[in-house]
């Protein structure tokens, strides 16, 4: 499902127009981005939890040349689904 399909599904389920559903989905995405940028955590009961996970710097290997390279530390989004998500 892509964003357009999600908006259409939300509009149908909620009995709202696609324009209003797009505003709601966009607002949810914006709020989630802002919270995650602050190293926050988003917990949606019955769906899952999103948070920031920090990956430390490490050594890697270029598969083409075999040379050792340095991989920089970075922050990534981690999603943990709720135990009953697919039940």
PDB file of N, CA and C in Angstrom:
ATOM      1  N   UNK A   1       0.855  -1.177   0.000  1.00  0.00           N
ATOM      2  CA  UNK A   1       0.000   0.000   0.000  1.00  0.00           C
ATOM      3  C   UNK A   1       0.891   1.228   0.000  1.00  0.00           C
ATOM      4  N   UNK A   2       0.620   2.140  -0.901  1.00  0.00           N
ATOM      5  CA  UNK A   2       1.370   3.392  -0.924  1.00  0.00           C
ATOM      6  C   UNK A   2       0.545   4.492  -0.247  1.00  0.00           C
ATOM      7  N   UNK A   3       1.078   5.707  -0.242  1.00  0.00           N
ATOM      8  CA  UNK A   3       0.426   6.804   0.477  1.00  0.00           C
ATOM      9  C   UNK A   3      -0.949   7.138  -0.103  1.00  0.00           C
ATOM     10  N   UNK A   4      -1.077   7.140  -1.419  1.00  0.00           N
ATOM     11  CA  UNK A   4      -2.364   7.451  -2.057  1.00  0.00           C
ATOM     12  C   UNK A   4      -3.417   6.401  -1.672  1.00  0.00           C
ATOM     13  N   UNK A   5      -3.019   5.143  -1.674  1.00  0.00           N
ATOM     14  CA  UNK A   5      -3.941   4.071  -1.288  1.00  0.00           C
ATOM     15  C   UNK A   5      -4.307   4.168   0.193  1.00  0.00           C
ATOM     16  N   UNK A   6      -3.345   4.539   1.025  1.00  0.00           N
ATOM     17  CA  UNK A   6      -3.618   4.721   2.458  1.00  0.00           C
ATOM     18  C   UNK A   6      -4.617   5.846   2.677  1.00  0.00           C
ATOM     19  N   UNK A   7      -4.438   6.945   1.984  1.00  0.00           N
ATOM     20  CA  UNK A   7      -5.354   8.085   2.115  1.00  0.00           C
ATOM     21  C   UNK A   7      -6.761   7.682   1.696  1.00  0.00           C
ATOM     22  N   UNK A   8      -6.878   6.953   0.600  1.00  0.00           N
ATOM     23  CA  UNK A   8      -8.194   6.500   0.137  1.00  0.00           C
ATOM     24  C   UNK A   8      -8.838   5.561   1.155  1.00  0.00           C
ATOM     25  N   UNK A   9      -8.055   4.662   1.739  1.00  0.00           N
ATOM     26  CA  UNK A   9      -8.588   3.726   2.729  1.00  0.00           C
ATOM     27  C   UNK A   9      -9.021   4.449   4.002  1.00  0.00           C
ATOM     28  N   UNK A  10      -8.230   5.410   4.445  1.00  0.00           N
ATOM     29  CA  UNK A  10      -8.581   6.191   5.641  1.00  0.00           C
ATOM     30  C   UNK A  10      -9.858   6.981   5.383  1.00  0.00           C
ATOM     31  N   UNK A  11      -9.967   7.585   4.216  1.00  0.00           N
ATOM     32  CA  UNK A  11     -11.158   8.369   3.873  1.00  0.00           C
ATOM     33  C   UNK A  11     -12.405   7.485   3.898  1.00  0.00           C
ATOM     34  N   UNK A  12     -12.283   6.288   3.343  1.00  0.00           N
ATOM     35  CA  UNK A  12     -13.429   5.381   3.308  1.00  0.00           C
ATOM     36  C   UNK A  12     -13.801   4.884   4.701  1.00  0.00           C
ATOM     37  N   UNK A  13     -12.796   4.471   5.490  1.00  0.00           N
ATOM     38  CA  UNK A  13     -13.060   3.954   6.850  1.00  0.00           C
ATOM     39  C   UNK A  13     -13.638   5.014   7.767  1.00  0.00           C
ATOM     40  N   UNK A  14     -13.130   6.239   7.661  1.00  0.00           N
ATOM     41  CA  UNK A  14     -13.540   7.304   8.564  1.00  0.00           C
ATOM     42  C   UNK A  14     -14.744   8.081   8.046  1.00  0.00           C
ATOM     43  N   UNK A  15     -15.173   7.812   6.824  1.00  0.00           N
ATOM     44  CA  UNK A  15     -16.306   8.536   6.266  1.00  0.00           C
ATOM     45  C   UNK A  15     -15.995  10.000   6.034  1.00  0.00           C
ATOM     46  N   UNK A  16     -14.794  10.269   5.545  1.00  0.00           N
ATOM     47  CA  UNK A  16     -14.382  11.646   5.292  1.00  0.00           C
ATOM     48  C   UNK A  16     -13.927  11.782   3.845  1.00  0.00           C
ATOM     49  N   UNK A  17     -13.715  12.995   3.417  1.00  0.00           N
ATOM     50  CA  UNK A  17     -13.249  13.213   2.049  1.00  0.00           C
ATOM     51  C   UNK A  17     -11.769  12.852   1.962  1.00  0.00           C
ATOM     52  N   UNK A  18     -11.320  12.609   0.727  1.00  0.00           N
ATOM     53  CA  UNK A  18      -9.909  12.299   0.529  1.00  0.00           C
ATOM     54  C   UNK A  18      -9.035  13.498   0.875  1.00  0.00           C
ATOM     55  N   UNK A  19      -9.546  14.699   0.675  1.00  0.00           N
ATOM     56  CA  UNK A  19      -8.787  15.914   1.013  1.00  0.00           C
ATOM     57  C   UNK A  19      -8.546  15.964   2.522  1.00  0.00           C
ATOM     58  N   UNK A  20      -9.605  15.704   3.298  1.00  0.00           N
ATOM     59  CA  UNK A  20      -9.459  15.708   4.759  1.00  0.00           C
ATOM     60  C   UNK A  20      -8.574  14.552   5.226  1.00  0.00           C
ATOM     61  N   UNK A  21      -8.715  13.405   4.589  1.00  0.00           N
ATOM     62  CA  UNK A  21      -7.887  12.253   4.954  1.00  0.00           C
ATOM     63  C   UNK A  21      -6.422  12.538   4.658  1.00  0.00           C
ATOM     64  N   UNK A  22      -6.137  13.199   3.522  1.00  0.00           N
ATOM     65  CA  UNK A  22      -4.758  13.563   3.186  1.00  0.00           C
ATOM     66  C   UNK A  22      -4.183  14.502   4.241  1.00  0.00           C
ATOM     67  N   UNK A  23      -4.986  15.484   4.681  1.00  0.00           N
ATOM     68  CA  UNK A  23      -4.529  16.405   5.727  1.00  0.00           C
ATOM     69  C   UNK A  23      -4.214  15.648   7.014  1.00  0.00           C
ATOM     70  N   UNK A  24      -5.073  14.685   7.367  1.00  0.00           N
ATOM     71  CA  UNK A  24      -4.872  13.915   8.593  1.00  0.00           C
ATOM     72  C   UNK A  24      -3.617  13.045   8.496  1.00  0.00           C
ATOM     73  N   UNK A  25      -3.442  12.364   7.381  1.00  0.00           N
ATOM     74  CA  UNK A  25      -2.266  11.504   7.203  1.00  0.00           C
ATOM     75  C   UNK A  25      -0.993  12.348   7.180  1.00  0.00           C
ATOM     76  N   UNK A  26      -1.006  13.450   6.446  1.00  0.00           N
ATOM     77  CA  UNK A  26       0.167  14.331   6.399  1.00  0.00           C
ATOM     78  C   UNK A  26       0.499  14.894   7.775  1.00  0.00           C
ATOM     79  N   UNK A  27      -0.532  15.270   8.535  1.00  0.00           N
ATOM     80  CA  UNK A  27      -0.309  15.800   9.885  1.00  0.00           C
ATOM     81  C   UNK A  27       0.296  14.729  10.786  1.00  0.00           C
ATOM     82  N   UNK A  28      -0.184  13.501  10.672  1.00  0.00           N
ATOM     83  CA  UNK A  28       0.350  12.406  11.491  1.00  0.00           C
ATOM     84  C   UNK A  28       1.816  12.164  11.156  1.00  0.00           C
ATOM     85  N   UNK A  29       2.144  12.177   9.870  1.00  0.00           N
ATOM     86  CA  UNK A  29       3.532  11.968   9.453  1.00  0.00           C
ATOM     87  C   UNK A  29       4.417  13.100   9.961  1.00  0.00           C
ATOM     88  N   UNK A  30       3.942  14.341   9.861  1.00  0.00           N
ATOM     89  CA  UNK A  30       4.717  15.490  10.338  1.00  0.00           C
ATOM     90  C   UNK A  30       4.956  15.420  11.839  1.00  0.00           C
ATOM     91  N   UNK A  31       3.928  15.078  12.597  1.00  0.00           N
ATOM     92  CA  UNK A  31       4.067  14.973  14.055  1.00  0.00           C
ATOM     93  C   UNK A  31       5.050  13.851  14.409  1.00  0.00           C
ATOM     94  N   UNK A  32       4.965  12.728  13.709  1.00  0.00           N
ATOM     95  CA  UNK A  32       5.874  11.614  13.968  1.00  0.00           C
ATOM     96  C   UNK A  32       7.317  12.021  13.671  1.00  0.00           C
ATOM     97  N   UNK A  33       7.550  12.706  12.557  1.00  0.00           N
ATOM     98  CA  UNK A  33       8.901  13.169  12.212  1.00  0.00           C
ATOM     99  C   UNK A  33       9.456  14.091  13.288  1.00  0.00           C
ATOM    100  N   UNK A  34       8.635  15.048  13.723  1.00  0.00           N
ATOM    101  CA  UNK A  34       9.084  16.008  14.735  1.00  0.00           C
ATOM    102  C   UNK A  34       9.443  15.304  16.039  1.00  0.00           C
ATOM    103  N   UNK A  35       8.619  14.355  16.447  1.00  0.00           N
ATOM    104  CA  UNK A  35       8.881  13.634  17.699  1.00  0.00           C
ATOM    105  C   UNK A  35      10.146  12.788  17.588  1.00  0.00           C
ATOM    106  N   UNK A  36      10.331  12.104  16.472  1.00  0.00           N
ATOM    107  CA  UNK A  36      11.511  11.265  16.299  1.00  0.00           C
ATOM    108  C   UNK A  36      12.781  12.099  16.184  1.00  0.00           C
ATOM    109  N   UNK A  37      12.687  13.293  15.602  1.00  0.00           N
ATOM    110  CA  UNK A  37      13.854  14.176  15.529  1.00  0.00           C
ATOM    111  C   UNK A  37      14.311  14.603  16.912  1.00  0.00           C
ATOM    112  N   UNK A  38      13.377  14.671  17.874  1.00  0.00           N
ATOM    113  CA  UNK A  38      13.705  15.030  19.259  1.00  0.00           C
ATOM    114  C   UNK A  38      14.138  13.800  20.049  1.00  0.00           C
ATOM    115  N   UNK A  39      14.427  12.690  19.352  1.00  0.00           N
ATOM    116  CA  UNK A  39      14.765  11.410  19.984  1.00  0.00           C
ATOM    117  C   UNK A  39      13.625  10.901  20.846  1.00  0.00           C
ATOM    118  N   UNK A  40      12.408  11.251  20.472  1.00  0.00           N
ATOM    119  CA  UNK A  40      11.237  10.798  21.201  1.00  0.00           C
ATOM    120  C   UNK A  40      10.817   9.402  20.786  1.00  0.00           C
ATOM    121  N   UNK A  41       9.705   8.990  21.328  1.00  0.00           N
ATOM    122  CA  UNK A  41       9.187   7.651  21.086  1.00  0.00           C
ATOM    123  C   UNK A  41       7.687   7.772  20.830  1.00  0.00           C
ATOM    124  N   UNK A  42       7.192   7.012  19.878  1.00  0.00           N
ATOM    125  CA  UNK A  42       5.770   7.030  19.557  1.00  0.00           C
ATOM    126  C   UNK A  42       5.221   5.632  19.817  1.00  0.00           C
ATOM    127  N   UNK A  43       4.257   5.523  20.713  1.00  0.00           N
ATOM    128  CA  UNK A  43       3.656   4.235  21.053  1.00  0.00           C
ATOM    129  C   UNK A  43       2.171   4.277  20.709  1.00  0.00           C
ATOM    130  N   UNK A  44       1.766   3.443  19.779  1.00  0.00           N
ATOM    131  CA  UNK A  44       0.363   3.334  19.388  1.00  0.00           C
ATOM    132  C   UNK A  44      -0.129   1.957  19.814  1.00  0.00           C
ATOM    133  N   UNK A  45      -0.948   1.914  20.849  1.00  0.00           N
ATOM    134  CA  UNK A  45      -1.436   0.653  21.401  1.00  0.00           C
ATOM    135  C   UNK A  45      -2.152  -0.132  20.307  1.00  0.00           C
ATOM    136  N   UNK A  46      -1.783  -1.385  20.172  1.00  0.00           N
ATOM    137  CA  UNK A  46      -2.382  -2.250  19.171  1.00  0.00           C
ATOM    138  C   UNK A  46      -1.706  -2.180  17.818  1.00  0.00           C
ATOM    139  N   UNK A  47      -0.795  -1.234  17.629  1.00  0.00           N
ATOM    140  CA  UNK A  47      -0.078  -1.107  16.355  1.00  0.00           C
ATOM    141  C   UNK A  47       1.415  -1.354  16.544  1.00  0.00           C
ATOM    142  N   UNK A  48       2.054  -0.554  17.393  1.00  0.00           N
ATOM    143  CA  UNK A  48       3.476  -0.739  17.639  1.00  0.00           C
ATOM    144  C   UNK A  48       4.125   0.505  18.193  1.00  0.00           C
ATOM    145  N   UNK A  49       5.444   0.438  18.310  1.00  0.00           N
ATOM    146  CA  UNK A  49       6.234   1.525  18.878  1.00  0.00           C
ATOM    147  C   UNK A  49       7.357   1.887  17.921  1.00  0.00           C
ATOM    148  N   UNK A  50       7.545   3.187  17.715  1.00  0.00           N
ATOM    149  CA  UNK A  50       8.658   3.688  16.908  1.00  0.00           C
ATOM    150  C   UNK A  50       9.570   4.502  17.802  1.00  0.00           C
ATOM    151  N   UNK A  51      10.839   4.350  17.591  1.00  0.00           N
ATOM    152  CA  UNK A  51      11.815   5.109  18.355  1.00  0.00           C
ATOM    153  C   UNK A  51      13.109   5.204  17.582  1.00  0.00           C
ATOM    154  N   UNK A  52      14.063   5.912  18.150  1.00  0.00           N
ATOM    155  CA  UNK A  52      15.359   6.103  17.515  1.00  0.00           C
ATOM    156  C   UNK A  52      16.352   5.123  18.120  1.00  0.00           C
ATOM    157  N   UNK A  53      17.116   4.487  17.248  1.00  0.00           N
ATOM    158  CA  UNK A  53      18.168   3.581  17.657  1.00  0.00           C
ATOM    159  C   UNK A  53      19.478   4.143  17.116  1.00  0.00           C
ATOM    160  N   UNK A  54      20.502   4.220  17.957  1.00  0.00           N
ATOM    161  CA  UNK A  54      21.783   4.757  17.517  1.00  0.00           C
ATOM    162  C   UNK A  54      22.717   3.622  17.158  1.00  0.00           C
ATOM    163  N   UNK A  55      23.228   3.659  15.938  1.00  0.00           N
ATOM    164  CA  UNK A  55      24.213   2.672  15.497  1.00  0.00           C
ATOM    165  C   UNK A  55      25.592   3.277  15.675  1.00  0.00           C
ATOM    166  N   UNK A  56      26.471   2.593  16.371  1.00  0.00           N
ATOM    167  CA  UNK A  56      27.818   3.137  16.568  1.00  0.00           C
ATOM    168  C   UNK A  56      28.650   3.053  15.284  1.00  0.00           C
ATOM    169  N   UNK A  57      29.721   3.830  15.241  1.00  0.00           N
ATOM    170  CA  UNK A  57      30.653   3.746  14.120  1.00  0.00           C
ATOM    171  C   UNK A  57      31.288   2.356  14.140  1.00  0.00           C
ATOM    172  N   UNK A  58      31.598   1.839  12.943  1.00  0.00           N
ATOM    173  CA  UNK A  58      32.168   0.499  12.878  1.00  0.00           C
ATOM    174  C   UNK A  58      33.009   0.351  11.625  1.00  0.00           C
ATOM    175  N   UNK A  59      33.733  -0.727  11.584  1.00  0.00           N
ATOM    176  CA  UNK A  59      34.533  -1.058  10.415  1.00  0.00           C
ATOM    177  C   UNK A  59      33.714  -1.952   9.502  1.00  0.00           C
ATOM    178  N   UNK A  60      33.812  -1.709   8.205  1.00  0.00           N
ATOM    179  CA  UNK A  60      33.129  -2.541   7.229  1.00  0.00           C
ATOM    180  C   UNK A  60      34.095  -2.916   6.125  1.00  0.00           C
ATOM    181  N   UNK A  61      33.585  -3.631   5.149  1.00  0.00           N
ATOM    182  CA  UNK A  61      34.435  -4.051   4.054  1.00  0.00           C
ATOM    183  C   UNK A  61      33.743  -3.759   2.730  1.00  0.00           C
ATOM    184  N   UNK A  62      34.473  -3.117   1.818  1.00  0.00           N
ATOM    185  CA  UNK A  62      33.960  -2.861   0.482  1.00  0.00           C
ATOM    186  C   UNK A  62      33.928  -4.205  -0.245  1.00  0.00           C
ATOM    187  N   UNK A  63      32.743  -4.679  -0.636  1.00  0.00           N
ATOM    188  CA  UNK A  63      32.671  -6.005  -1.250  1.00  0.00           C
ATOM    189  C   UNK A  63      33.363  -6.079  -2.618  1.00  0.00           C
ATOM    190  N   UNK A  64      33.468  -4.967  -3.300  1.00  0.00           N
ATOM    191  CA  UNK A  64      34.096  -4.978  -4.626  1.00  0.00           C
ATOM    192  C   UNK A  64      35.618  -5.072  -4.523  1.00  0.00           C
ATOM    193  N   UNK A  65      36.199  -4.262  -3.615  1.00  0.00           N
ATOM    194  CA  UNK A  65      37.658  -4.208  -3.534  1.00  0.00           C
ATOM    195  C   UNK A  65      38.222  -5.001  -2.367  1.00  0.00           C
ATOM    196  N   UNK A  66      37.405  -5.275  -1.368  1.00  0.00           N
ATOM    197  CA  UNK A  66      37.878  -5.988  -0.185  1.00  0.00           C
ATOM    198  C   UNK A  66      38.561  -5.096   0.825  1.00  0.00           C
ATOM    199  N   UNK A  67      38.673  -3.793   0.533  1.00  0.00           N
ATOM    200  CA  UNK A  67      39.325  -2.866   1.460  1.00  0.00           C
ATOM    201  C   UNK A  67      38.432  -2.586   2.655  1.00  0.00           C
ATOM    202  N   UNK A  68      39.077  -2.365   3.792  1.00  0.00           N
ATOM    203  CA  UNK A  68      38.364  -2.001   5.010  1.00  0.00           C
ATOM    204  C   UNK A  68      37.961  -0.532   4.921  1.00  0.00           C
ATOM    205  N   UNK A  69      36.718  -0.244   5.303  1.00  0.00           N
ATOM    206  CA  UNK A  69      36.230   1.134   5.293  1.00  0.00           C
ATOM    207  C   UNK A  69      35.625   1.445   6.656  1.00  0.00           C
ATOM    208  N   UNK A  70      35.561   2.727   6.954  1.00  0.00           N
ATOM    209  CA  UNK A  70      34.961   3.167   8.211  1.00  0.00           C
ATOM    210  C   UNK A  70      33.519   3.574   7.924  1.00  0.00           C
ATOM    211  N   UNK A  71      32.575   2.997   8.668  1.00  0.00           N
ATOM    212  CA  UNK A  71      31.169   3.338   8.544  1.00  0.00           C
ATOM    213  C   UNK A  71      30.825   4.256   9.714  1.00  0.00           C
ATOM    214  N   UNK A  72      30.321   5.434   9.412  1.00  0.00           N
ATOM    215  CA  UNK A  72      30.038   6.440  10.440  1.00  0.00           C
ATOM    216  C   UNK A  72      28.847   6.030  11.313  1.00  0.00           C
ATOM    217  N   UNK A  73      28.822   6.555  12.519  1.00  0.00           N
ATOM    218  CA  UNK A  73      27.685   6.343  13.414  1.00  0.00           C
ATOM    219  C   UNK A  73      26.476   7.083  12.843  1.00  0.00           C
ATOM    220  N   UNK A  74      25.301   6.540  13.100  1.00  0.00           N
ATOM    221  CA  UNK A  74      24.099   7.222  12.639  1.00  0.00           C
ATOM    222  C   UNK A  74      22.894   6.790  13.461  1.00  0.00           C
ATOM    223  N   UNK A  75      21.843   7.583  13.348  1.00  0.00           N
ATOM    224  CA  UNK A  75      20.583   7.289  14.019  1.00  0.00           C
ATOM    225  C   UNK A  75      19.620   6.708  13.000  1.00  0.00           C
ATOM    226  N   UNK A  76      18.910   5.661  13.403  1.00  0.00           N
ATOM    227  CA  UNK A  76      17.930   5.029  12.524  1.00  0.00           C
ATOM    228  C   UNK A  76      16.621   4.862  13.284  1.00  0.00           C
ATOM    229  N   UNK A  77      15.523   4.822  12.549  1.00  0.00           N
ATOM    230  CA  UNK A  77      14.213   4.612  13.155  1.00  0.00           C
ATOM    231  C   UNK A  77      13.997   3.112  13.329  1.00  0.00           C
ATOM    232  N   UNK A  78      13.551   2.738  14.500  1.00  0.00           N
ATOM    233  CA  UNK A  78      13.291   1.335  14.811  1.00  0.00           C
ATOM    234  C   UNK A  78      11.793   1.181  15.072  1.00  0.00           C
ATOM    235  N   UNK A  79      11.178   0.177  14.482  1.00  0.00           N
ATOM    236  CA  UNK A  79       9.755  -0.093  14.687  1.00  0.00           C
ATOM    237  C   UNK A  79       9.613  -1.461  15.325  1.00  0.00           C
ATOM    238  N   UNK A  80       8.870  -1.509  16.403  1.00  0.00           N
ATOM    239  CA  UNK A  80       8.585  -2.775  17.083  1.00  0.00           C
ATOM    240  C   UNK A  80       7.073  -2.966  17.028  1.00  0.00           C
ATOM    241  N   UNK A  81       6.595  -3.948  16.253  1.00  0.00           N
ATOM    242  CA  UNK A  81       5.145  -4.142  16.142  1.00  0.00           C
ATOM    243  C   UNK A  81       4.540  -4.652  17.450  1.00  0.00           C
ATOM    244  N   UNK A  82       3.283  -4.335  17.651  1.00  0.00           N
ATOM    245  CA  UNK A  82       2.560  -4.837  18.824  1.00  0.00           C
ATOM    246  C   UNK A  82       2.398  -6.343  18.695  1.00  0.00           C
ATOM    247  N   UNK A  83       2.361  -7.013  19.818  1.00  0.00           N
ATOM    248  CA  UNK A  83       2.265  -8.475  19.813  1.00  0.00           C
ATOM    249  C   UNK A  83       1.007  -8.959  19.109  1.00  0.00           C
ATOM    250  N   UNK A  84      -0.079  -8.208  19.205  1.00  0.00           N
ATOM    251  CA  UNK A  84      -1.350  -8.643  18.614  1.00  0.00           C
ATOM    252  C   UNK A  84      -1.680  -7.909  17.316  1.00  0.00           C
ATOM    253  N   UNK A  85      -0.660  -7.378  16.627  1.00  0.00           N
ATOM    254  CA  UNK A  85      -0.894  -6.593  15.413  1.00  0.00           C
ATOM    255  C   UNK A  85      -1.608  -7.389  14.329  1.00  0.00           C
ATOM    256  N   UNK A  86      -1.234  -8.616  14.120  1.00  0.00           N
ATOM    257  CA  UNK A  86      -1.810  -9.413  13.036  1.00  0.00           C
ATOM    258  C   UNK A  86      -2.868 -10.409  13.515  1.00  0.00           C
ATOM    259  N   UNK A  87      -3.300 -10.292  14.727  1.00  0.00           N
ATOM    260  CA  UNK A  87      -4.324 -11.214  15.241  1.00  0.00           C
ATOM    261  C   UNK A  87      -5.705 -10.693  14.996  1.00  0.00           C
TER     262      UNK A  87
END
